[in-house]
PDB file of N, CA and C in Angstrom:
ATOM      1  N   UNK A   1      -9.084 113.000  18.766  1.00  0.00           N
ATOM      2  CA  UNK A   1     -10.194 112.674  17.605  1.00  0.00           C
ATOM      3  C   UNK A   1      -9.607 113.601  16.448  1.00  0.00           C
ATOM      4  N   UNK A   2      -9.705 113.561  15.452  1.00  0.00           N
ATOM      5  CA  UNK A   2      -9.930 114.943  14.014  1.00  0.00           C
ATOM      6  C   UNK A   2     -10.911 115.237  13.538  1.00  0.00           C
ATOM      7  N   UNK A   3     -11.009 116.527  12.974  1.00  0.00           N
ATOM      8  CA  UNK A   3     -11.904 117.152  12.681  1.00  0.00           C
ATOM      9  C   UNK A   3     -13.225 116.577  11.608  1.00  0.00           C
ATOM     10  N   UNK A   4     -12.414 115.441  11.120  1.00  0.00           N
ATOM     11  CA  UNK A   4     -13.578 115.276  10.004  1.00  0.00           C
ATOM     12  C   UNK A   4     -14.204 113.583  10.681  1.00  0.00           C
ATOM     13  N   UNK A   5     -13.131 113.171  11.606  1.00  0.00           N
ATOM     14  CA  UNK A   5     -13.560 111.958  12.445  1.00  0.00           C
ATOM     15  C   UNK A   5     -15.083 111.771  13.627  1.00  0.00           C
ATOM     16  N   UNK A   6     -15.321 113.869  13.954  1.00  0.00           N
ATOM     17  CA  UNK A   6     -16.806 113.775  14.882  1.00  0.00           C
ATOM     18  C   UNK A   6     -17.908 113.570  14.163  1.00  0.00           C
ATOM     19  N   UNK A   7     -18.866 112.691  14.384  1.00  0.00           N
ATOM     20  CA  UNK A   7     -19.794 112.467  14.657  1.00  0.00           C
ATOM     21  C   UNK A   7     -20.442 111.208  13.551  1.00  0.00           C
ATOM     22  N   UNK A   8     -18.907 110.616  12.923  1.00  0.00           N
ATOM     23  CA  UNK A   8     -19.247 109.540  12.550  1.00  0.00           C
ATOM     24  C   UNK A   8     -19.452 108.773  13.467  1.00  0.00           C
ATOM     25  N   UNK A   9     -19.754 107.276  13.296  1.00  0.00           N
ATOM     26  CA  UNK A   9     -20.164 106.131  13.752  1.00  0.00           C
ATOM     27  C   UNK A   9     -19.005 105.233  14.278  1.00  0.00           C
ATOM     28  N   UNK A  10     -18.537 104.245  15.587  1.00  0.00           N
ATOM     29  CA  UNK A  10     -17.106 103.167  15.618  1.00  0.00           C
ATOM     30  C   UNK A  10     -18.337 102.192  15.487  1.00  0.00           C
ATOM     31  N   UNK A  11     -17.893 101.130  15.516  1.00  0.00           N
ATOM     32  CA  UNK A  11     -17.837  99.770  15.234  1.00  0.00           C
ATOM     33  C   UNK A  11     -18.247  99.327  16.201  1.00  0.00           C
ATOM     34  N   UNK A  12     -18.856  99.074  16.301  1.00  0.00           N
ATOM     35  CA  UNK A  12     -19.060  97.664  17.582  1.00  0.00           C
ATOM     36  C   UNK A  12     -18.317  96.260  17.549  1.00  0.00           C
ATOM     37  N   UNK A  13     -17.137  95.821  17.951  1.00  0.00           N
ATOM     38  CA  UNK A  13     -17.035  94.354  17.765  1.00  0.00           C
ATOM     39  C   UNK A  13     -17.100  92.912  18.509  1.00  0.00           C
ATOM     40  N   UNK A  14     -17.586  93.579  19.397  1.00  0.00           N
ATOM     41  CA  UNK A  14     -17.663  92.650  20.231  1.00  0.00           C
ATOM     42  C   UNK A  14     -17.673  93.430  22.000  1.00  0.00           C
ATOM     43  N   UNK A  15     -18.714  92.845  22.639  1.00  0.00           N
ATOM     44  CA  UNK A  15     -19.034  93.730  23.789  1.00  0.00           C
ATOM     45  C   UNK A  15     -19.381  92.862  24.997  1.00  0.00           C
ATOM     46  N   UNK A  16     -18.780  92.205  26.572  1.00  0.00           N
ATOM     47  CA  UNK A  16     -19.578  92.214  27.141  1.00  0.00           C
ATOM     48  C   UNK A  16     -19.777  92.190  28.898  1.00  0.00           C
ATOM     49  N   UNK A  17     -20.694  92.344  29.264  1.00  0.00           N
ATOM     50  CA  UNK A  17     -20.386  92.386  30.433  1.00  0.00           C
ATOM     51  C   UNK A  17     -19.497  92.152  31.854  1.00  0.00           C
ATOM     52  N   UNK A  18     -19.158  93.706  32.194  1.00  0.00           N
ATOM     53  CA  UNK A  18     -18.516  92.792  33.593  1.00  0.00           C
ATOM     54  C   UNK A  18     -19.613  93.183  34.767  1.00  0.00           C
ATOM     55  N   UNK A  19     -20.640  93.868  35.241  1.00  0.00           N
ATOM     56  CA  UNK A  19     -20.914  93.836  36.555  1.00  0.00           C
ATOM     57  C   UNK A  19     -22.397  94.491  35.841  1.00  0.00           C
ATOM     58  N   UNK A  20     -23.033  94.342  36.540  1.00  0.00           N
ATOM     59  CA  UNK A  20     -24.777  94.647  36.791  1.00  0.00           C
ATOM     60  C   UNK A  20     -25.395  94.279  38.071  1.00  0.00           C
ATOM     61  N   UNK A  21     -26.018  95.304  38.381  1.00  0.00           N
ATOM     62  CA  UNK A  21     -26.919  95.182  39.598  1.00  0.00           C
ATOM     63  C   UNK A  21     -28.347  95.926  39.348  1.00  0.00           C
ATOM     64  N   UNK A  22     -28.243  96.164  40.816  1.00  0.00           N
ATOM     65  CA  UNK A  22     -30.365  97.214  40.187  1.00  0.00           C
ATOM     66  C   UNK A  22     -29.897  98.263  40.176  1.00  0.00           C
ATOM     67  N   UNK A  23     -27.939  98.480  40.007  1.00  0.00           N
ATOM     68  CA  UNK A  23     -28.173 100.071  40.142  1.00  0.00           C
ATOM     69  C   UNK A  23     -27.521 100.296  38.408  1.00  0.00           C
ATOM     70  N   UNK A  24     -26.354  99.298  38.592  1.00  0.00           N
ATOM     71  CA  UNK A  24     -25.392  99.924  37.265  1.00  0.00           C
ATOM     72  C   UNK A  24     -25.687  98.415  36.194  1.00  0.00           C
ATOM     73  N   UNK A  25     -24.946  98.812  35.093  1.00  0.00           N
ATOM     74  CA  UNK A  25     -24.490  97.740  34.764  1.00  0.00           C
ATOM     75  C   UNK A  25     -22.784  98.249  33.843  1.00  0.00           C
ATOM     76  N   UNK A  26     -21.946  97.458  33.537  1.00  0.00           N
ATOM     77  CA  UNK A  26     -20.937  97.863  33.316  1.00  0.00           C
ATOM     78  C   UNK A  26     -20.257  97.308  32.204  1.00  0.00           C
ATOM     79  N   UNK A  27     -19.971  97.558  31.374  1.00  0.00           N
ATOM     80  CA  UNK A  27     -20.261  96.359  29.799  1.00  0.00           C
ATOM     81  C   UNK A  27     -18.244  97.020  29.512  1.00  0.00           C
ATOM     82  N   UNK A  28     -17.777  96.406  29.021  1.00  0.00           N
ATOM     83  CA  UNK A  28     -16.529  96.115  28.140  1.00  0.00           C
ATOM     84  C   UNK A  28     -16.319  96.333  26.941  1.00  0.00           C
ATOM     85  N   UNK A  29     -16.755  97.703  26.237  1.00  0.00           N
ATOM     86  CA  UNK A  29     -17.019  97.604  24.405  1.00  0.00           C
ATOM     87  C   UNK A  29     -15.464  96.580  23.618  1.00  0.00           C
ATOM     88  N   UNK A  30     -15.375  96.563  22.765  1.00  0.00           N
ATOM     89  CA  UNK A  30     -14.385  96.965  22.355  1.00  0.00           C
ATOM     90  C   UNK A  30     -15.180  97.290  20.269  1.00  0.00           C
ATOM     91  N   UNK A  31     -13.883  98.040  20.309  1.00  0.00           N
ATOM     92  CA  UNK A  31     -14.564  99.040  18.942  1.00  0.00           C
ATOM     93  C   UNK A  31     -13.615  99.079  17.735  1.00  0.00           C
ATOM     94  N   UNK A  32     -14.010  99.690  16.793  1.00  0.00           N
ATOM     95  CA  UNK A  32     -13.608  99.994  15.787  1.00  0.00           C
ATOM     96  C   UNK A  32     -13.722 101.531  15.176  1.00  0.00           C
ATOM     97  N   UNK A  33     -13.060 102.208  15.102  1.00  0.00           N
ATOM     98  CA  UNK A  33     -13.200 103.921  13.922  1.00  0.00           C
ATOM     99  C   UNK A  33     -13.431 103.351  12.661  1.00  0.00           C
ATOM    100  N   UNK A  34     -14.367 104.902  12.669  1.00  0.00           N
ATOM    101  CA  UNK A  34     -14.268 104.925  11.047  1.00  0.00           C
ATOM    102  C   UNK A  34     -12.771 104.752  10.236  1.00  0.00           C
ATOM    103  N   UNK A  35     -11.774 105.367  10.658  1.00  0.00           N
ATOM    104  CA  UNK A  35     -10.156 105.161  10.069  1.00  0.00           C
ATOM    105  C   UNK A  35      -9.615 103.620  10.777  1.00  0.00           C
ATOM    106  N   UNK A  36     -10.652 103.614  11.223  1.00  0.00           N
ATOM    107  CA  UNK A  36      -9.567 101.752  11.285  1.00  0.00           C
ATOM    108  C   UNK A  36      -8.975 101.571  12.941  1.00  0.00           C
ATOM    109  N   UNK A  37      -8.748 102.420  13.624  1.00  0.00           N
ATOM    110  CA  UNK A  37      -7.978 102.314  14.710  1.00  0.00           C
ATOM    111  C   UNK A  37      -8.967 101.586  16.102  1.00  0.00           C
ATOM    112  N   UNK A  38      -8.519 100.297  16.395  1.00  0.00           N
ATOM    113  CA  UNK A  38      -9.365  99.577  17.568  1.00  0.00           C
ATOM    114  C   UNK A  38      -9.122 100.194  18.755  1.00  0.00           C
ATOM    115  N   UNK A  39      -9.934 100.312  19.498  1.00  0.00           N
ATOM    116  CA  UNK A  39     -10.573 101.053  20.971  1.00  0.00           C
ATOM    117  C   UNK A  39     -10.983  99.992  21.567  1.00  0.00           C
ATOM    118  N   UNK A  40      -9.985  99.220  22.535  1.00  0.00           N
ATOM    119  CA  UNK A  40     -10.376  97.773  22.876  1.00  0.00           C
ATOM    120  C   UNK A  40      -9.902  98.119  24.830  1.00  0.00           C
ATOM    121  N   UNK A  41     -10.234  97.920  25.818  1.00  0.00           N
ATOM    122  CA  UNK A  41     -11.623  98.133  25.749  1.00  0.00           C
ATOM    123  C   UNK A  41     -12.135  99.309  25.528  1.00  0.00           C
ATOM    124  N   UNK A  42     -13.281  99.404  25.696  1.00  0.00           N
ATOM    125  CA  UNK A  42     -14.063 101.191  25.796  1.00  0.00           C
ATOM    126  C   UNK A  42     -15.323 100.454  26.771  1.00  0.00           C
ATOM    127  N   UNK A  43     -15.175 100.907  27.661  1.00  0.00           N
ATOM    128  CA  UNK A  43     -16.092 100.915  28.769  1.00  0.00           C
ATOM    129  C   UNK A  43     -17.273 102.115  29.081  1.00  0.00           C
ATOM    130  N   UNK A  44     -18.380 101.472  28.870  1.00  0.00           N
ATOM    131  CA  UNK A  44     -20.306 101.758  28.830  1.00  0.00           C
ATOM    132  C   UNK A  44     -20.447 101.523  30.431  1.00  0.00           C
ATOM    133  N   UNK A  45     -20.932 102.293  31.181  1.00  0.00           N
ATOM    134  CA  UNK A  45     -21.751 102.888  32.174  1.00  0.00           C
ATOM    135  C   UNK A  45     -22.836 103.094  31.924  1.00  0.00           C
ATOM    136  N   UNK A  46     -23.711 101.689  32.237  1.00  0.00           N
ATOM    137  CA  UNK A  46     -25.611 102.119  31.796  1.00  0.00           C
ATOM    138  C   UNK A  46     -26.048 102.132  33.410  1.00  0.00           C
ATOM    139  N   UNK A  47     -26.918 103.129  33.422  1.00  0.00           N
ATOM    140  CA  UNK A  47     -27.807 103.264  34.475  1.00  0.00           C
ATOM    141  C   UNK A  47     -29.414 103.744  33.845  1.00  0.00           C
ATOM    142  N   UNK A  48     -30.264 103.911  35.366  1.00  0.00           N
ATOM    143  CA  UNK A  48     -31.587 103.952  35.632  1.00  0.00           C
ATOM    144  C   UNK A  48     -31.689 105.498  35.087  1.00  0.00           C
ATOM    145  N   UNK A  49     -32.852 106.192  34.519  1.00  0.00           N
ATOM    146  CA  UNK A  49     -33.451 107.549  34.304  1.00  0.00           C
ATOM    147  C   UNK A  49     -33.116 108.021  35.583  1.00  0.00           C
ATOM    148  N   UNK A  50     -33.157 109.627  35.765  1.00  0.00           N
ATOM    149  CA  UNK A  50     -33.021 109.773  37.122  1.00  0.00           C
ATOM    150  C   UNK A  50     -33.140 110.958  36.918  1.00  0.00           C
ATOM    151  N   UNK A  51     -33.361 112.365  37.934  1.00  0.00           N
ATOM    152  CA  UNK A  51     -33.865 113.361  37.823  1.00  0.00           C
ATOM    153  C   UNK A  51     -33.146 113.939  38.580  1.00  0.00           C
ATOM    154  N   UNK A  52     -32.955 116.014  38.902  1.00  0.00           N
ATOM    155  CA  UNK A  52     -32.640 116.388  39.251  1.00  0.00           C
ATOM    156  C   UNK A  52     -33.064 117.784  39.775  1.00  0.00           C
ATOM    157  N   UNK A  53     -33.724 118.437  41.072  1.00  0.00           N
ATOM    158  CA  UNK A  53     -34.750 119.018  40.501  1.00  0.00           C
ATOM    159  C   UNK A  53     -34.298 120.258  40.913  1.00  0.00           C
ATOM    160  N   UNK A  54     -34.514 121.753  40.126  1.00  0.00           N
ATOM    161  CA  UNK A  54     -34.184 122.568  40.401  1.00  0.00           C
ATOM    162  C   UNK A  54     -35.330 123.578  40.947  1.00  0.00           C
ATOM    163  N   UNK A  55     -34.816 123.502  42.401  1.00  0.00           N
ATOM    164  CA  UNK A  55     -35.840 124.153  43.411  1.00  0.00           C
ATOM    165  C   UNK A  55     -35.795 125.765  43.900  1.00  0.00           C
ATOM    166  N   UNK A  56     -36.810 126.254  43.632  1.00  0.00           N
ATOM    167  CA  UNK A  56     -36.216 127.727  44.430  1.00  0.00           C
ATOM    168  C   UNK A  56     -37.014 127.949  45.093  1.00  0.00           C
ATOM    169  N   UNK A  57     -37.073 128.604  46.181  1.00  0.00           N
ATOM    170  CA  UNK A  57     -38.001 129.122  46.750  1.00  0.00           C
ATOM    171  C   UNK A  57     -38.273 130.858  46.571  1.00  0.00           C
ATOM    172  N   UNK A  58     -39.634 131.154  47.035  1.00  0.00           N
ATOM    173  CA  UNK A  58     -40.209 132.229  46.983  1.00  0.00           C
ATOM    174  C   UNK A  58     -39.222 133.028  47.020  1.00  0.00           C
ATOM    175  N   UNK A  59     -38.576 133.514  48.429  1.00  0.00           N
ATOM    176  CA  UNK A  59     -37.471 133.991  48.740  1.00  0.00           C
ATOM    177  C   UNK A  59     -36.464 134.045  47.632  1.00  0.00           C
ATOM    178  N   UNK A  60     -36.270 132.957  46.196  1.00  0.00           N
ATOM    179  CA  UNK A  60     -35.588 133.191  45.540  1.00  0.00           C
ATOM    180  C   UNK A  60     -33.843 132.356  45.806  1.00  0.00           C
ATOM    181  N   UNK A  61     -34.672 132.174  46.967  1.00  0.00           N
ATOM    182  CA  UNK A  61     -32.956 130.890  47.642  1.00  0.00           C
ATOM    183  C   UNK A  61     -32.929 129.764  46.555  1.00  0.00           C
ATOM    184  N   UNK A  62     -31.962 128.533  46.345  1.00  0.00           N
ATOM    185  CA  UNK A  62     -32.272 127.578  45.501  1.00  0.00           C
ATOM    186  C   UNK A  62     -32.556 126.120  46.792  1.00  0.00           C
ATOM    187  N   UNK A  63     -32.850 125.683  45.980  1.00  0.00           N
ATOM    188  CA  UNK A  63     -32.871 124.458  47.695  1.00  0.00           C
ATOM    189  C   UNK A  63     -32.153 123.675  47.448  1.00  0.00           C
ATOM    190  N   UNK A  64     -31.294 123.052  48.777  1.00  0.00           N
ATOM    191  CA  UNK A  64     -30.405 121.843  48.185  1.00  0.00           C
ATOM    192  C   UNK A  64     -30.267 120.942  49.633  1.00  0.00           C
ATOM    193  N   UNK A  65     -29.762 119.747  49.332  1.00  0.00           N
ATOM    194  CA  UNK A  65     -29.622 118.439  50.375  1.00  0.00           C
ATOM    195  C   UNK A  65     -28.339 118.343  50.648  1.00  0.00           C
ATOM    196  N   UNK A  66     -28.437 118.318  51.607  1.00  0.00           N
ATOM    197  CA  UNK A  66     -26.475 116.960  52.056  1.00  0.00           C
ATOM    198  C   UNK A  66     -27.501 116.116  52.052  1.00  0.00           C
ATOM    199  N   UNK A  67     -26.644 115.212  51.341  1.00  0.00           N
ATOM    200  CA  UNK A  67     -26.368 113.935  51.408  1.00  0.00           C
ATOM    201  C   UNK A  67     -25.332 113.482  51.888  1.00  0.00           C
ATOM    202  N   UNK A  68     -25.749 111.815  52.343  1.00  0.00           N
ATOM    203  CA  UNK A  68     -24.139 110.911  52.596  1.00  0.00           C
ATOM    204  C   UNK A  68     -23.587 110.380  51.270  1.00  0.00           C
ATOM    205  N   UNK A  69     -22.900 110.824  50.720  1.00  0.00           N
ATOM    206  CA  UNK A  69     -21.969 109.619  50.046  1.00  0.00           C
ATOM    207  C   UNK A  69     -20.999 109.081  50.266  1.00  0.00           C
ATOM    208  N   UNK A  70     -20.936 107.973  49.838  1.00  0.00           N
ATOM    209  CA  UNK A  70     -19.734 107.081  50.313  1.00  0.00           C
ATOM    210  C   UNK A  70     -18.803 107.095  48.955  1.00  0.00           C
ATOM    211  N   UNK A  71     -18.890 107.050  47.559  1.00  0.00           N
ATOM    212  CA  UNK A  71     -17.916 107.463  47.059  1.00  0.00           C
ATOM    213  C   UNK A  71     -16.941 108.417  47.301  1.00  0.00           C
ATOM    214  N   UNK A  72     -17.032 109.045  48.159  1.00  0.00           N
ATOM    215  CA  UNK A  72     -16.449 110.372  48.786  1.00  0.00           C
ATOM    216  C   UNK A  72     -15.968 110.361  50.404  1.00  0.00           C
ATOM    217  N   UNK A  73     -16.406 109.660  51.174  1.00  0.00           N
ATOM    218  CA  UNK A  73     -17.257 109.497  52.130  1.00  0.00           C
ATOM    219  C   UNK A  73     -17.287 110.072  53.173  1.00  0.00           C
ATOM    220  N   UNK A  74     -18.212 111.068  52.764  1.00  0.00           N
ATOM    221  CA  UNK A  74     -18.721 112.758  52.967  1.00  0.00           C
ATOM    222  C   UNK A  74     -19.424 113.266  52.914  1.00  0.00           C
ATOM    223  N   UNK A  75     -20.479 114.191  53.452  1.00  0.00           N
ATOM    224  CA  UNK A  75     -21.797 114.527  53.116  1.00  0.00           C
ATOM    225  C   UNK A  75     -21.359 115.707  51.807  1.00  0.00           C
ATOM    226  N   UNK A  76     -22.896 115.347  51.106  1.00  0.00           N
ATOM    227  CA  UNK A  76     -22.082 116.334  49.947  1.00  0.00           C
ATOM    228  C   UNK A  76     -23.273 117.756  49.806  1.00  0.00           C
ATOM    229  N   UNK A  77     -23.276 118.634  49.090  1.00  0.00           N
ATOM    230  CA  UNK A  77     -24.716 119.395  48.901  1.00  0.00           C
ATOM    231  C   UNK A  77     -24.608 119.466  47.853  1.00  0.00           C
ATOM    232  N   UNK A  78     -25.965 118.807  47.310  1.00  0.00           N
ATOM    233  CA  UNK A  78     -26.828 118.642  46.332  1.00  0.00           C
ATOM    234  C   UNK A  78     -27.987 118.865  46.061  1.00  0.00           C
ATOM    235  N   UNK A  79     -28.587 119.132  44.408  1.00  0.00           N
ATOM    236  CA  UNK A  79     -29.512 119.512  44.650  1.00  0.00           C
ATOM    237  C   UNK A  79     -30.440 118.117  44.691  1.00  0.00           C
ATOM    238  N   UNK A  80     -31.367 118.056  44.748  1.00  0.00           N
ATOM    239  CA  UNK A  80     -32.858 117.287  45.161  1.00  0.00           C
ATOM    240  C   UNK A  80     -33.082 116.291  43.978  1.00  0.00           C
ATOM    241  N   UNK A  81     -32.840 115.072  44.511  1.00  0.00           N
ATOM    242  CA  UNK A  81     -33.075 113.940  42.890  1.00  0.00           C
ATOM    243  C   UNK A  81     -33.253 112.680  43.555  1.00  0.00           C
ATOM    244  N   UNK A  82     -33.441 111.149  42.095  1.00  0.00           N
ATOM    245  CA  UNK A  82     -33.420 110.808  42.284  1.00  0.00           C
ATOM    246  C   UNK A  82     -33.828 110.041  41.200  1.00  0.00           C
ATOM    247  N   UNK A  83     -34.084 108.252  41.224  1.00  0.00           N
ATOM    248  CA  UNK A  83     -33.628 107.504  39.567  1.00  0.00           C
ATOM    249  C   UNK A  83     -35.519 107.426  39.578  1.00  0.00           C
ATOM    250  N   UNK A  84     -36.151 107.658  38.569  1.00  0.00           N
ATOM    251  CA  UNK A  84     -36.920 107.084  38.128  1.00  0.00           C
ATOM    252  C   UNK A  84     -37.697 105.274  38.046  1.00  0.00           C
ATOM    253  N   UNK A  85     -38.933 105.676  38.980  1.00  0.00           N
ATOM    254  CA  UNK A  85     -39.023 104.612  39.045  1.00  0.00           C
ATOM    255  C   UNK A  85     -39.680 103.726  37.610  1.00  0.00           C
ATOM    256  N   UNK A  86     -39.739 102.156  38.256  1.00  0.00           N
ATOM    257  CA  UNK A  86     -40.707 102.031  36.513  1.00  0.00           C
ATOM    258  C   UNK A  86     -41.969 102.595  36.678  1.00  0.00           C
ATOM    259  N   UNK A  87     -43.041 103.024  37.568  1.00  0.00           N
ATOM    260  CA  UNK A  87     -43.961 102.840  37.214  1.00  0.00           C
ATOM    261  C   UNK A  87     -44.803 104.516  36.912  1.00  0.00           C
ATOM    262  N   UNK A  88     -43.384 105.685  37.112  1.00  0.00           N
ATOM    263  CA  UNK A  88     -43.474 106.904  36.690  1.00  0.00           C
ATOM    264  C   UNK A  88     -43.096 106.974  35.347  1.00  0.00           C
ATOM    265  N   UNK A  89     -44.600 107.639  34.493  1.00  0.00           N
ATOM    266  CA  UNK A  89     -44.615 108.263  33.102  1.00  0.00           C
ATOM    267  C   UNK A  89     -43.840 108.931  32.383  1.00  0.00           C
ATOM    268  N   UNK A  90     -43.723 109.565  33.941  1.00  0.00           N
ATOM    269  CA  UNK A  90     -42.905 111.187  34.095  1.00  0.00           C
ATOM    270  C   UNK A  90     -41.863 111.723  34.438  1.00  0.00           C
ATOM    271  N   UNK A  91     -40.597 112.298  34.673  1.00  0.00           N
ATOM    272  CA  UNK A  91     -39.759 112.864  35.177  1.00  0.00           C
ATOM    273  C   UNK A  91     -40.534 114.147  36.372  1.00  0.00           C
ATOM    274  N   UNK A  92     -41.694 114.645  35.964  1.00  0.00           N
ATOM    275  CA  UNK A  92     -42.293 115.303  36.315  1.00  0.00           C
ATOM    276  C   UNK A  92     -42.798 114.581  37.838  1.00  0.00           C
ATOM    277  N   UNK A  93     -43.818 113.642  38.036  1.00  0.00           N
ATOM    278  CA  UNK A  93     -43.634 112.862  39.388  1.00  0.00           C
ATOM    279  C   UNK A  93     -42.360 112.635  39.854  1.00  0.00           C
ATOM    280  N   UNK A  94     -41.618 112.090  39.038  1.00  0.00           N
ATOM    281  CA  UNK A  94     -39.817 111.235  39.979  1.00  0.00           C
ATOM    282  C   UNK A  94     -39.933 112.664  40.181  1.00  0.00           C
ATOM    283  N   UNK A  95     -39.978 113.900  39.806  1.00  0.00           N
ATOM    284  CA  UNK A  95     -39.309 115.330  40.380  1.00  0.00           C
ATOM    285  C   UNK A  95     -40.160 116.027  41.784  1.00  0.00           C
ATOM    286  N   UNK A  96     -41.167 115.299  42.172  1.00  0.00           N
ATOM    287  CA  UNK A  96     -42.550 115.520  42.894  1.00  0.00           C
ATOM    288  C   UNK A  96     -42.116 115.134  43.969  1.00  0.00           C
ATOM    289  N   UNK A  97     -42.060 114.046  43.790  1.00  0.00           N
ATOM    290  CA  UNK A  97     -42.050 112.188  44.259  1.00  0.00           C
ATOM    291  C   UNK A  97     -40.214 112.609  45.414  1.00  0.00           C
ATOM    292  N   UNK A  98     -39.301 113.535  44.539  1.00  0.00           N
ATOM    293  CA  UNK A  98     -38.037 113.297  45.387  1.00  0.00           C
ATOM    294  C   UNK A  98     -38.022 114.538  45.933  1.00  0.00           C
ATOM    295  N   UNK A  99     -38.602 115.584  45.391  1.00  0.00           N
ATOM    296  CA  UNK A  99     -38.930 116.801  45.956  1.00  0.00           C
ATOM    297  C   UNK A  99     -39.247 116.494  47.556  1.00  0.00           C
ATOM    298  N   UNK A 100     -40.352 116.192  47.318  1.00  0.00           N
ATOM    299  CA  UNK A 100     -41.279 116.373  48.893  1.00  0.00           C
ATOM    300  C   UNK A 100     -39.943 114.953  49.670  1.00  0.00           C
ATOM    301  N   UNK A 101     -39.717 114.117  49.402  1.00  0.00           N
ATOM    302  CA  UNK A 101     -39.280 112.592  49.979  1.00  0.00           C
ATOM    303  C   UNK A 101     -37.554 113.493  50.350  1.00  0.00           C
ATOM    304  N   UNK A 102     -37.076 114.069  49.805  1.00  0.00           N
ATOM    305  CA  UNK A 102     -35.546 114.665  50.572  1.00  0.00           C
ATOM    306  C   UNK A 102     -36.013 116.271  51.458  1.00  0.00           C
ATOM    307  N   UNK A 103     -37.204 116.590  50.555  1.00  0.00           N
ATOM    308  CA  UNK A 103     -37.245 118.091  52.330  1.00  0.00           C
ATOM    309  C   UNK A 103     -38.054 118.604  52.256  1.00  0.00           C
ATOM    310  N   UNK A 104     -39.113 117.740  51.941  1.00  0.00           N
ATOM    311  CA  UNK A 104     -40.789 118.232  52.292  1.00  0.00           C
ATOM    312  C   UNK A 104     -41.434 118.928  51.566  1.00  0.00           C
ATOM    313  N   UNK A 105     -40.769 118.971  50.660  1.00  0.00           N
ATOM    314  CA  UNK A 105     -41.548 120.517  49.397  1.00  0.00           C
ATOM    315  C   UNK A 105     -42.922 119.262  48.925  1.00  0.00           C
ATOM    316  N   UNK A 106     -43.801 119.961  49.511  1.00  0.00           N
ATOM    317  CA  UNK A 106     -45.363 119.869  48.620  1.00  0.00           C
ATOM    318  C   UNK A 106     -46.451 120.131  47.495  1.00  0.00           C
ATOM    319  N   UNK A 107     -45.627 121.644  48.156  1.00  0.00           N
ATOM    320  CA  UNK A 107     -46.268 122.178  47.283  1.00  0.00           C
ATOM    321  C   UNK A 107     -45.874 122.972  46.753  1.00  0.00           C
ATOM    322  N   UNK A 108     -46.026 123.115  44.998  1.00  0.00           N
ATOM    323  CA  UNK A 108     -44.887 123.520  43.948  1.00  0.00           C
ATOM    324  C   UNK A 108     -45.257 123.885  42.682  1.00  0.00           C
ATOM    325  N   UNK A 109     -45.171 124.766  41.833  1.00  0.00           N
ATOM    326  CA  UNK A 109     -45.164 124.944  40.456  1.00  0.00           C
ATOM    327  C   UNK A 109     -44.215 125.335  39.804  1.00  0.00           C
ATOM    328  N   UNK A 110     -45.084 124.631  38.751  1.00  0.00           N
ATOM    329  CA  UNK A 110     -43.548 124.549  37.352  1.00  0.00           C
ATOM    330  C   UNK A 110     -42.762 125.414  36.944  1.00  0.00           C
ATOM    331  N   UNK A 111     -41.754 125.763  36.299  1.00  0.00           N
ATOM    332  CA  UNK A 111     -41.579 127.286  35.857  1.00  0.00           C
ATOM    333  C   UNK A 111     -40.347 126.908  34.662  1.00  0.00           C
ATOM    334  N   UNK A 112     -40.260 126.688  33.458  1.00  0.00           N
ATOM    335  CA  UNK A 112     -40.230 126.780  32.147  1.00  0.00           C
ATOM    336  C   UNK A 112     -39.082 127.799  31.732  1.00  0.00           C
ATOM    337  N   UNK A 113     -37.641 127.632  32.095  1.00  0.00           N
ATOM    338  CA  UNK A 113     -37.204 128.750  31.360  1.00  0.00           C
ATOM    339  C   UNK A 113     -36.425 128.528  30.111  1.00  0.00           C
ATOM    340  N   UNK A 114     -35.424 129.437  30.285  1.00  0.00           N
ATOM    341  CA  UNK A 114     -34.436 128.868  28.524  1.00  0.00           C
ATOM    342  C   UNK A 114     -33.591 127.588  28.753  1.00  0.00           C
ATOM    343  N   UNK A 115     -33.326 126.395  29.829  1.00  0.00           N
ATOM    344  CA  UNK A 115     -33.132 126.005  30.274  1.00  0.00           C
ATOM    345  C   UNK A 115     -33.610 124.604  31.029  1.00  0.00           C
ATOM    346  N   UNK A 116     -34.777 124.795  30.720  1.00  0.00           N
ATOM    347  CA  UNK A 116     -35.761 123.222  31.110  1.00  0.00           C
ATOM    348  C   UNK A 116     -36.537 123.561  32.352  1.00  0.00           C
ATOM    349  N   UNK A 117     -36.856 122.671  32.554  1.00  0.00           N
ATOM    350  CA  UNK A 117     -38.556 123.259  33.732  1.00  0.00           C
ATOM    351  C   UNK A 117     -37.194 123.096  34.986  1.00  0.00           C
ATOM    352  N   UNK A 118     -37.997 124.234  35.512  1.00  0.00           N
ATOM    353  CA  UNK A 118     -37.708 124.765  37.019  1.00  0.00           C
ATOM    354  C   UNK A 118     -39.189 124.066  38.363  1.00  0.00           C
ATOM    355  N   UNK A 119     -38.875 124.316  39.566  1.00  0.00           N
ATOM    356  CA  UNK A 119     -39.814 124.367  40.152  1.00  0.00           C
ATOM    357  C   UNK A 119     -39.877 125.296  40.998  1.00  0.00           C
ATOM    358  N   UNK A 120     -41.120 126.315  41.447  1.00  0.00           N
ATOM    359  CA  UNK A 120     -41.061 127.242  42.412  1.00  0.00           C
ATOM    360  C   UNK A 120     -42.289 126.528  43.427  1.00  0.00           C
ATOM    361  N   UNK A 121     -41.030 126.174  44.907  1.00  0.00           N
ATOM    362  CA  UNK A 121     -41.950 126.315  46.028  1.00  0.00           C
ATOM    363  C   UNK A 121     -42.033 127.055  47.142  1.00  0.00           C
TER     364      UNK A 121
END
């Protein structure tokens, strides 16, 4: 991408759904750049809103969970988190639910740092 093209808008000529289920929607867009270059297809993956929780124990240890991930056919060490349920109005609700479900921590204190919201457990 050339410097003068950054921040400019592509125009979508057409869009078609490739796959949709409860987790993802994959679509293929045919696009035109401001310089007239056609990009087709340009794949767009849409998914539900989700949260990751940065939870730190009083000892300063980061809380992580080990979960099986089929894509890599192995367990993965990761932050607790998950998708926002429709009835949840704030990410904070989802964070508390996911932290409890995945780690058992139910008592936490939100703390805001330079990079966003964290949780002390």
